[in-house]
Amino acid sequence: MTTMTMPEQVRHAVLAMPMAKTLQLAFRRIEPGETEIEMPVLDAFCFRPGQLQATAVFAVADFAAVSAAGTLLPPGWINATIDGTLKLLAPARGRHLLARGRVVDASRLLTICSAEVFAVDEEGKEQLCATLLGTARNIDASAKH
């Protein structure tokens, strides 16, 4: 039996979610307290050609922020979003989005986390298009409720 590190557990849990699969999310970096998640700009999520709807932008930001929070949890714990505020700063268009999540403040039951979302063009140039400030509820999955 192999045991996964917390970053590997977070990667596995996130990428197993149907929404993550639908959005075609891919982790580019995952470390304690920090993540980078890439999402392609897909026509199915655009409200005009090549420009993503806010819903898709929120989703990748939320996944990045809450995943970063998840990397700091003790074994047997999971987390879930309970609050998030997205600020759109520029159009989300390009080849893909890159969301960089990080932990702002971690405690036993709540973790404050954030993400910056960058639209990346064909040449690899990044433009900040959104920020998210979120709160994740930390849950002892092994506790009997």
C-alpha atoms as a PDB file:
ATOM      1  CA  MET A   1       0.000   0.000   0.000  1.00  0.00           C
ATOM      2  CA  THR A   2       1.408   3.371  -0.959  1.00  0.00           C
ATOM      3  CA  THR A   3       0.562   6.520   0.909  1.00  0.00           C
ATOM      4  CA  MET A   4       0.144   9.743  -0.998  1.00  0.00           C
ATOM      5  CA  THR A   5       1.525  13.044   0.220  1.00  0.00           C
ATOM      6  CA  MET A   6      -1.031  15.741   0.994  1.00  0.00           C
ATOM      7  CA  PRO A   7      -0.326  17.546  -2.322  1.00  0.00           C
ATOM      8  CA  GLU A   8      -0.850  14.242  -4.183  1.00  0.00           C
ATOM      9  CA  GLN A   9      -4.086  13.631  -2.242  1.00  0.00           C
ATOM     10  CA  VAL A  10      -5.348  17.104  -3.139  1.00  0.00           C
ATOM     11  CA  ARG A  11      -4.447  16.630  -6.814  1.00  0.00           C
ATOM     12  CA  HIS A  12      -6.188  13.250  -6.901  1.00  0.00           C
ATOM     13  CA  ALA A  13      -9.326  14.494  -5.094  1.00  0.00           C
ATOM     14  CA  VAL A  14      -9.704  17.598  -7.255  1.00  0.00           C
ATOM     15  CA  LEU A  15      -9.100  15.911 -10.596  1.00  0.00           C
ATOM     16  CA  ALA A  16     -11.610  13.171  -9.701  1.00  0.00           C
ATOM     17  CA  MET A  17     -14.403  15.758  -9.454  1.00  0.00           C
ATOM     18  CA  PRO A  18     -16.758  15.836 -12.445  1.00  0.00           C
ATOM     19  CA  MET A  19     -16.564  19.646 -12.699  1.00  0.00           C
ATOM     20  CA  ALA A  20     -12.753  19.570 -12.774  1.00  0.00           C
ATOM     21  CA  LYS A  21     -12.915  17.004 -15.570  1.00  0.00           C
ATOM     22  CA  THR A  22     -15.471  19.062 -17.490  1.00  0.00           C
ATOM     23  CA  LEU A  23     -13.293  22.189 -17.201  1.00  0.00           C
ATOM     24  CA  GLN A  24     -10.217  20.112 -18.173  1.00  0.00           C
ATOM     25  CA  LEU A  25      -8.231  21.402 -15.199  1.00  0.00           C
ATOM     26  CA  ALA A  26      -4.564  20.478 -14.876  1.00  0.00           C
ATOM     27  CA  PHE A  27      -2.253  21.185 -11.952  1.00  0.00           C
ATOM     28  CA  ARG A  28       0.965  22.893 -13.028  1.00  0.00           C
ATOM     29  CA  ARG A  29       2.316  23.225  -9.489  1.00  0.00           C
ATOM     30  CA  ILE A  30       1.190  22.059  -6.084  1.00  0.00           C
ATOM     31  CA  GLU A  31       3.117  22.723  -2.893  1.00  0.00           C
ATOM     32  CA  PRO A  32       2.157  23.271   0.734  1.00  0.00           C
ATOM     33  CA  GLY A  33      -0.043  26.372   0.745  1.00  0.00           C
ATOM     34  CA  GLU A  34       0.235  27.082  -2.998  1.00  0.00           C
ATOM     35  CA  THR A  35      -1.117  25.762  -6.292  1.00  0.00           C
ATOM     36  CA  GLU A  36      -1.194  26.606  -9.973  1.00  0.00           C
ATOM     37  CA  ILE A  37      -4.036  25.256 -12.076  1.00  0.00           C
ATOM     38  CA  GLU A  38      -4.417  25.629 -15.824  1.00  0.00           C
ATOM     39  CA  MET A  39      -7.733  25.618 -17.672  1.00  0.00           C
ATOM     40  CA  PRO A  40      -8.107  25.814 -21.457  1.00  0.00           C
ATOM     41  CA  VAL A  41     -10.368  28.468 -22.962  1.00  0.00           C
ATOM     42  CA  LEU A  42     -13.125  26.288 -24.393  1.00  0.00           C
ATOM     43  CA  ASP A  43     -15.913  27.575 -26.649  1.00  0.00           C
ATOM     44  CA  ALA A  44     -18.490  25.795 -24.467  1.00  0.00           C
ATOM     45  CA  PHE A  45     -17.706  28.212 -21.596  1.00  0.00           C
ATOM     46  CA  CYS A  46     -17.467  31.424 -23.639  1.00  0.00           C
ATOM     47  CA  PHE A  47     -20.212  34.044 -23.900  1.00  0.00           C
ATOM     48  CA  ARG A  48     -18.592  35.465 -27.005  1.00  0.00           C
ATOM     49  CA  PRO A  49     -15.915  33.848 -29.167  1.00  0.00           C
ATOM     50  CA  GLY A  50     -12.755  33.336 -27.146  1.00  0.00           C
ATOM     51  CA  GLN A  51     -13.935  35.131 -23.989  1.00  0.00           C
ATOM     52  CA  LEU A  52     -14.840  33.048 -20.955  1.00  0.00           C
ATOM     53  CA  GLN A  53     -17.937  33.616 -18.853  1.00  0.00           C
ATOM     54  CA  ALA A  54     -17.387  34.684 -15.255  1.00  0.00           C
ATOM     55  CA  THR A  55     -18.664  31.300 -14.038  1.00  0.00           C
ATOM     56  CA  ALA A  56     -15.702  29.473 -15.556  1.00  0.00           C
ATOM     57  CA  VAL A  57     -13.274  32.088 -14.229  1.00  0.00           C
ATOM     58  CA  PHE A  58     -14.760  31.726 -10.745  1.00  0.00           C
ATOM     59  CA  ALA A  59     -14.483  27.941 -10.944  1.00  0.00           C
ATOM     60  CA  VAL A  60     -10.761  27.838 -11.761  1.00  0.00           C
ATOM     61  CA  ALA A  61     -10.030  30.512  -9.133  1.00  0.00           C
ATOM     62  CA  ASP A  62     -12.011  28.600  -6.505  1.00  0.00           C
ATOM     63  CA  PHE A  63     -10.318  25.299  -7.347  1.00  0.00           C
ATOM     64  CA  ALA A  64      -6.873  26.935  -7.082  1.00  0.00           C
ATOM     65  CA  ALA A  65      -7.546  28.755  -3.804  1.00  0.00           C
ATOM     66  CA  VAL A  66      -9.303  25.893  -2.002  1.00  0.00           C
ATOM     67  CA  SER A  67      -6.781  23.355  -3.318  1.00  0.00           C
ATOM     68  CA  ALA A  68      -3.995  25.465  -1.818  1.00  0.00           C
ATOM     69  CA  ALA A  69      -5.879  25.381   1.486  1.00  0.00           C
ATOM     70  CA  GLY A  70      -6.251  21.615   1.202  1.00  0.00           C
ATOM     71  CA  THR A  71      -2.496  21.099   1.006  1.00  0.00           C
ATOM     72  CA  LEU A  72      -2.155  22.222   4.628  1.00  0.00           C
ATOM     73  CA  LEU A  73      -4.777  19.892   6.104  1.00  0.00           C
ATOM     74  CA  PRO A  74      -3.830  17.053   8.417  1.00  0.00           C
ATOM     75  CA  PRO A  75      -4.344  13.469   7.212  1.00  0.00           C
ATOM     76  CA  GLY A  76      -8.003  12.445   7.173  1.00  0.00           C
ATOM     77  CA  TRP A  77      -9.289  15.997   6.692  1.00  0.00           C
ATOM     78  CA  ILE A  78     -11.029  17.489   3.649  1.00  0.00           C
ATOM     79  CA  ASN A  79     -12.282  20.980   2.878  1.00  0.00           C
ATOM     80  CA  ALA A  80     -15.064  22.742   1.056  1.00  0.00           C
ATOM     81  CA  THR A  81     -15.725  26.285  -0.116  1.00  0.00           C
ATOM     82  CA  ILE A  82     -18.099  28.253   2.095  1.00  0.00           C
ATOM     83  CA  ASP A  83     -17.482  31.728   0.673  1.00  0.00           C
ATOM     84  CA  GLY A  84     -15.810  33.334  -2.303  1.00  0.00           C
ATOM     85  CA  THR A  85     -15.673  36.782  -3.859  1.00  0.00           C
ATOM     86  CA  LEU A  86     -14.466  37.180  -7.431  1.00  0.00           C
ATOM     87  CA  LYS A  87     -13.306  40.486  -8.878  1.00  0.00           C
ATOM     88  CA  LEU A  88     -13.079  40.574 -12.672  1.00  0.00           C
ATOM     89  CA  LEU A  89     -10.287  42.882 -13.822  1.00  0.00           C
ATOM     90  CA  ALA A  90      -9.908  42.188 -17.548  1.00  0.00           C
ATOM     91  CA  PRO A  91     -11.442  39.926 -20.215  1.00  0.00           C
ATOM     92  CA  ALA A  92     -10.653  36.237 -19.706  1.00  0.00           C
ATOM     93  CA  ARG A  93      -9.483  35.437 -23.208  1.00  0.00           C
ATOM     94  CA  GLY A  94      -6.453  33.746 -24.629  1.00  0.00           C
ATOM     95  CA  ARG A  95      -5.221  30.189 -25.001  1.00  0.00           C
ATOM     96  CA  HIS A  96      -5.786  29.236 -21.364  1.00  0.00           C
ATOM     97  CA  LEU A  97      -6.204  30.566 -17.852  1.00  0.00           C
ATOM     98  CA  LEU A  98      -3.631  30.069 -15.128  1.00  0.00           C
ATOM     99  CA  ALA A  99      -4.909  30.359 -11.564  1.00  0.00           C
ATOM    100  CA  ARG A 100      -2.385  30.740  -8.753  1.00  0.00           C
ATOM    101  CA  GLY A 101      -3.883  29.841  -5.392  1.00  0.00           C
ATOM    102  CA  ARG A 102      -2.396  30.494  -1.976  1.00  0.00           C
ATOM    103  CA  VAL A 103      -3.262  30.337   1.692  1.00  0.00           C
ATOM    104  CA  VAL A 104      -3.732  33.696   3.408  1.00  0.00           C
ATOM    105  CA  ASP A 105      -4.449  32.382   6.914  1.00  0.00           C
ATOM    106  CA  ALA A 106      -5.014  28.824   8.123  1.00  0.00           C
ATOM    107  CA  SER A 107      -6.712  27.725  11.326  1.00  0.00           C
ATOM    108  CA  ARG A 108      -8.196  24.434  12.485  1.00  0.00           C
ATOM    109  CA  LEU A 109     -11.728  24.933  11.127  1.00  0.00           C
ATOM    110  CA  LEU A 110     -11.414  27.710   8.526  1.00  0.00           C
ATOM    111  CA  THR A 111      -8.787  28.636   5.984  1.00  0.00           C
ATOM    112  CA  ILE A 112      -8.746  31.971   4.201  1.00  0.00           C
ATOM    113  CA  CYS A 113      -7.350  31.519   0.702  1.00  0.00           C
ATOM    114  CA  SER A 114      -6.959  33.533  -2.461  1.00  0.00           C
ATOM    115  CA  ALA A 115      -6.243  33.183  -6.148  1.00  0.00           C
ATOM    116  CA  GLU A 116      -5.059  35.353  -8.981  1.00  0.00           C
ATOM    117  CA  VAL A 117      -6.238  34.319 -12.428  1.00  0.00           C
ATOM    118  CA  PHE A 118      -4.208  35.150 -15.503  1.00  0.00           C
ATOM    119  CA  ALA A 119      -5.320  34.953 -19.125  1.00  0.00           C
ATOM    120  CA  VAL A 120      -2.419  33.508 -21.121  1.00  0.00           C
ATOM    121  CA  ASP A 121      -2.125  34.258 -24.850  1.00  0.00           C
ATOM    122  CA  GLU A 122      -0.536  32.198 -27.640  1.00  0.00           C
ATOM    123  CA  GLU A 123       2.911  33.682 -26.912  1.00  0.00           C
ATOM    124  CA  GLY A 124       2.669  32.866 -23.199  1.00  0.00           C
ATOM    125  CA  LYS A 125       2.084  36.461 -22.081  1.00  0.00           C
ATOM    126  CA  GLU A 126       0.021  36.630 -18.880  1.00  0.00           C
ATOM    127  CA  GLN A 127      -2.602  39.268 -18.089  1.00  0.00           C
ATOM    128  CA  LEU A 128      -4.228  39.401 -14.670  1.00  0.00           C
ATOM    129  CA  CYS A 129      -7.953  39.031 -15.306  1.00  0.00           C
ATOM    130  CA  ALA A 130      -9.435  38.186 -11.893  1.00  0.00           C
ATOM    131  CA  THR A 131      -8.799  37.809  -8.188  1.00  0.00           C
ATOM    132  CA  LEU A 132     -10.637  35.697  -5.646  1.00  0.00           C
ATOM    133  CA  LEU A 133     -10.738  35.790  -1.863  1.00  0.00           C
ATOM    134  CA  GLY A 134     -12.304  32.697  -0.364  1.00  0.00           C
ATOM    135  CA  THR A 135     -12.963  30.752   2.796  1.00  0.00           C
ATOM    136  CA  ALA A 136     -12.724  26.985   3.079  1.00  0.00           C
ATOM    137  CA  ARG A 137     -14.308  24.951   5.861  1.00  0.00           C
ATOM    138  CA  ASN A 138     -11.950  22.251   7.129  1.00  0.00           C
ATOM    139  CA  ILE A 139     -13.717  18.978   7.921  1.00  0.00           C
ATOM    140  CA  ASP A 140     -12.451  15.945   9.819  1.00  0.00           C
ATOM    141  CA  ALA A 141     -13.643  13.269   7.399  1.00  0.00           C
ATOM    142  CA  SER A 142     -12.863  10.488   9.860  1.00  0.00           C
ATOM    143  CA  ALA A 143     -15.084  11.905  12.622  1.00  0.00           C
ATOM    144  CA  LYS A 144     -18.430  10.257  13.176  1.00  0.00           C
ATOM    145  CA  HIS A 145     -21.221  12.790  12.667  1.00  0.00           C
END
